[in-house]
Amino acid sequence: MNVFFFICLGVGAGFVVISVLLGQLGGIMDFDVAAVSPFKPILIAFFLTVFGGLGLIFVPVFPVAWMVIGVAAAGGLGLSYLIFRFVVVPLHRWQNTSAHDRQSTIGVTAKVAETIPQGGYGKISYTYDDKILSGPARSEDGNEIERNTVVEIVYIEKNTYHVRPKI
């Protein structure tokens, strides 16, 4: 029984670690879907992690295996629901409101906050709807753009602003 819970714990925690590491390499494991769903892979991994951990904790407490599985499953489902309800849903709402605003920033004047190296990424900041916003940026033509240069947002691709110096 302990082996089963160790496997659940390892698979869940391993998936989270691997997805974070590979996500830093340009979204290799981007499983995100447009709709809000309780069946997102990260929530399933969270459930497995909690299920395995609670199972290992309660094996010595309860004499019957089905009681341990029931408590571990209830704990995993309960905590997964809380993460879904109070983290995933609000983040999805926030993403939907800001995604529309981002597209309408094309043509807006911005300032380079962190130098954009040749062929690399930097950071811009700009004012939109009386809010100061910032985001990752690349030069439209691949050339370096120094910090504090005034630029224009040309287009947005994969949440990265492509900019050119404003003339």
Protein backbone atom coordinates (compact mmCIF):
# COMPACT_ATOMS: atom_id res chain seq x y z
CA MET A 1 0.00 0.00 0.00
CA ASN A 2 2.85 2.38 0.83
CA VAL A 3 4.36 1.78 -2.61
CA PHE A 4 1.14 2.90 -4.30
CA PHE A 5 1.08 6.15 -2.32
CA PHE A 6 4.79 6.75 -2.94
CA ILE A 7 4.20 6.34 -6.67
CA CYS A 8 1.28 8.83 -6.61
CA LEU A 9 3.33 11.30 -4.61
CA GLY A 10 6.34 10.91 -6.90
CA VAL A 11 4.36 11.18 -10.14
CA GLY A 12 2.47 14.26 -8.96
CA ALA A 13 5.46 16.10 -7.54
CA GLY A 14 7.67 14.99 -10.44
CA PHE A 15 5.21 16.33 -12.99
CA VAL A 16 5.09 19.70 -11.26
CA VAL A 17 8.89 19.96 -11.11
CA ILE A 18 9.38 18.84 -14.72
CA SER A 19 6.67 21.15 -16.05
CA VAL A 20 8.20 24.13 -14.22
CA LEU A 21 11.69 23.31 -15.49
CA LEU A 22 10.59 22.70 -19.08
CA GLY A 23 8.22 25.67 -18.95
CA GLN A 24 11.25 27.88 -18.37
CA LEU A 25 12.64 26.66 -21.71
CA GLY A 26 9.99 28.37 -23.78
CA GLY A 27 6.78 26.59 -22.89
CA ILE A 28 7.73 23.08 -24.03
CA MET A 29 5.09 21.61 -21.69
CA ASP A 30 2.39 24.21 -22.15
CA PHE A 31 -0.78 22.24 -21.53
CA ASP A 32 -2.90 25.31 -20.95
CA VAL A 33 -6.30 25.31 -22.58
CA ALA A 34 -8.50 28.34 -23.23
CA ALA A 35 -11.41 27.12 -21.12
CA VAL A 36 -11.42 26.91 -17.35
CA SER A 37 -11.44 23.24 -16.46
CA PRO A 38 -10.83 21.31 -13.25
CA PHE A 39 -9.02 18.72 -15.39
CA LYS A 40 -5.92 20.81 -16.07
CA PRO A 41 -2.78 18.67 -15.84
CA ILE A 42 -1.34 20.80 -13.04
CA LEU A 43 -4.48 20.22 -10.92
CA ILE A 44 -4.32 16.48 -11.60
CA ALA A 45 -0.66 16.51 -10.54
CA PHE A 46 -1.60 18.47 -7.42
CA PHE A 47 -4.31 15.90 -6.60
CA LEU A 48 -1.84 13.01 -7.03
CA THR A 49 0.71 14.74 -4.80
CA VAL A 50 -1.80 15.40 -2.02
CA PHE A 51 -3.40 11.95 -2.41
CA GLY A 52 -0.03 10.21 -2.13
CA GLY A 53 1.13 12.36 0.77
CA LEU A 54 -2.08 11.94 2.78
CA GLY A 55 -2.11 8.23 2.02
CA LEU A 56 1.39 7.85 3.46
CA ILE A 57 0.40 9.86 6.52
CA PHE A 58 -2.79 7.88 7.23
CA VAL A 59 -1.62 4.30 6.50
CA PRO A 60 -0.51 3.78 10.12
CA VAL A 61 -3.62 5.57 11.48
CA PHE A 62 -6.43 3.59 9.81
CA PRO A 63 -6.56 -0.22 9.99
CA VAL A 64 -8.41 -0.70 6.67
CA ALA A 65 -7.02 0.21 3.25
CA TRP A 66 -10.29 1.61 1.88
CA MET A 67 -10.44 4.11 4.77
CA VAL A 68 -6.97 5.39 3.93
CA ILE A 69 -7.85 5.66 0.23
CA GLY A 70 -11.12 7.46 1.10
CA VAL A 71 -9.45 10.02 3.37
CA ALA A 72 -6.58 10.58 0.93
CA ALA A 73 -9.00 10.95 -2.02
CA ALA A 74 -11.25 13.35 -0.08
CA GLY A 75 -8.24 15.43 0.96
CA GLY A 76 -6.83 15.48 -2.57
CA LEU A 77 -10.17 16.42 -4.12
CA GLY A 78 -10.85 19.06 -1.46
CA LEU A 79 -7.50 20.78 -1.76
CA SER A 80 -7.57 20.54 -5.57
CA TYR A 81 -11.00 22.18 -5.56
CA LEU A 82 -9.72 25.01 -3.36
CA ILE A 83 -6.76 25.62 -5.71
CA PHE A 84 -9.12 25.53 -8.69
CA ARG A 85 -11.69 27.84 -7.11
CA PHE A 86 -9.38 30.39 -5.54
CA VAL A 87 -6.35 30.34 -7.88
CA VAL A 88 -7.16 28.97 -11.35
CA VAL A 89 -10.55 30.64 -11.87
CA PRO A 90 -9.43 34.13 -10.71
CA LEU A 91 -6.25 33.89 -12.78
CA HIS A 92 -8.28 32.89 -15.84
CA ARG A 93 -10.60 35.87 -15.34
CA TRP A 94 -7.63 38.20 -14.96
CA GLN A 95 -5.95 36.75 -18.06
CA ASN A 96 -9.06 37.26 -20.16
CA THR A 97 -9.39 40.92 -19.20
CA SER A 98 -5.72 41.72 -19.79
CA ALA A 99 -5.44 39.75 -23.06
CA HIS A 100 -7.92 42.06 -24.73
CA ASP A 101 -6.11 45.14 -23.42
CA ARG A 102 -2.75 43.85 -24.67
CA GLN A 103 -3.88 43.67 -28.29
CA SER A 104 -5.23 47.20 -28.10
CA THR A 105 -1.79 48.47 -27.06
CA ILE A 106 -0.40 48.08 -30.57
CA GLY A 107 0.84 51.52 -31.62
CA VAL A 108 1.21 52.73 -28.02
CA THR A 109 4.40 54.56 -27.07
CA ALA A 110 6.53 52.82 -24.43
CA LYS A 111 9.92 53.20 -22.79
CA VAL A 112 12.59 50.51 -22.61
CA ALA A 113 12.97 49.64 -18.91
CA GLU A 114 15.70 47.01 -19.41
CA THR A 115 18.02 47.12 -22.42
CA ILE A 116 16.94 44.83 -25.24
CA PRO A 117 20.12 43.06 -26.41
CA GLN A 118 20.65 42.19 -30.06
CA GLY A 119 18.42 39.19 -30.81
CA GLY A 120 17.37 38.97 -27.16
CA TYR A 121 14.71 40.06 -24.73
CA GLY A 122 14.37 43.14 -22.56
CA LYS A 123 11.54 44.89 -20.81
CA ILE A 124 9.32 47.83 -21.64
CA SER A 125 6.96 49.92 -19.55
CA TYR A 126 4.05 52.00 -20.79
CA THR A 127 0.92 53.74 -19.60
CA TYR A 128 -2.46 52.45 -20.71
CA ASP A 129 -5.87 53.32 -19.24
CA ASP A 130 -4.10 55.31 -16.51
CA LYS A 131 -2.17 52.19 -15.44
CA ILE A 132 1.58 51.75 -15.67
CA LEU A 133 2.19 48.34 -17.24
CA SER A 134 5.29 46.43 -18.28
CA GLY A 135 6.21 43.29 -20.14
CA PRO A 136 8.91 41.38 -21.98
CA ALA A 137 9.99 42.90 -25.27
CA ARG A 138 12.07 42.19 -28.35
CA SER A 139 13.30 44.50 -31.04
CA GLU A 140 11.28 44.18 -34.24
CA ASP A 141 14.43 44.08 -36.39
CA GLY A 142 16.61 42.21 -33.87
CA ASN A 143 18.91 45.18 -33.13
CA GLU A 144 19.84 46.32 -29.64
CA ILE A 145 17.69 49.01 -28.05
CA GLU A 146 19.18 50.88 -25.10
CA ARG A 147 17.42 51.49 -21.80
CA ASN A 148 15.21 54.63 -21.64
CA THR A 149 14.72 54.65 -25.44
CA VAL A 150 11.20 55.64 -26.47
CA VAL A 151 9.69 52.87 -28.60
CA GLU A 152 6.44 51.98 -30.30
CA ILE A 153 4.67 48.64 -29.83
CA VAL A 154 4.42 47.07 -33.30
CA TYR A 155 2.83 43.70 -32.52
CA ILE A 156 2.50 41.12 -29.76
CA GLU A 157 3.43 37.48 -30.17
CA LYS A 158 3.33 34.86 -27.39
CA ASN A 159 2.99 37.59 -24.72
CA THR A 160 6.12 39.35 -25.98
CA TYR A 161 5.94 42.93 -27.22
CA HIS A 162 7.81 43.54 -30.47
CA VAL A 163 8.91 47.16 -30.55
CA ARG A 164 10.83 49.63 -32.70
CA PRO A 165 12.42 52.95 -31.75
CA LYS A 166 9.97 55.80 -32.12
CA ILE A 167 11.10 58.43 -34.59
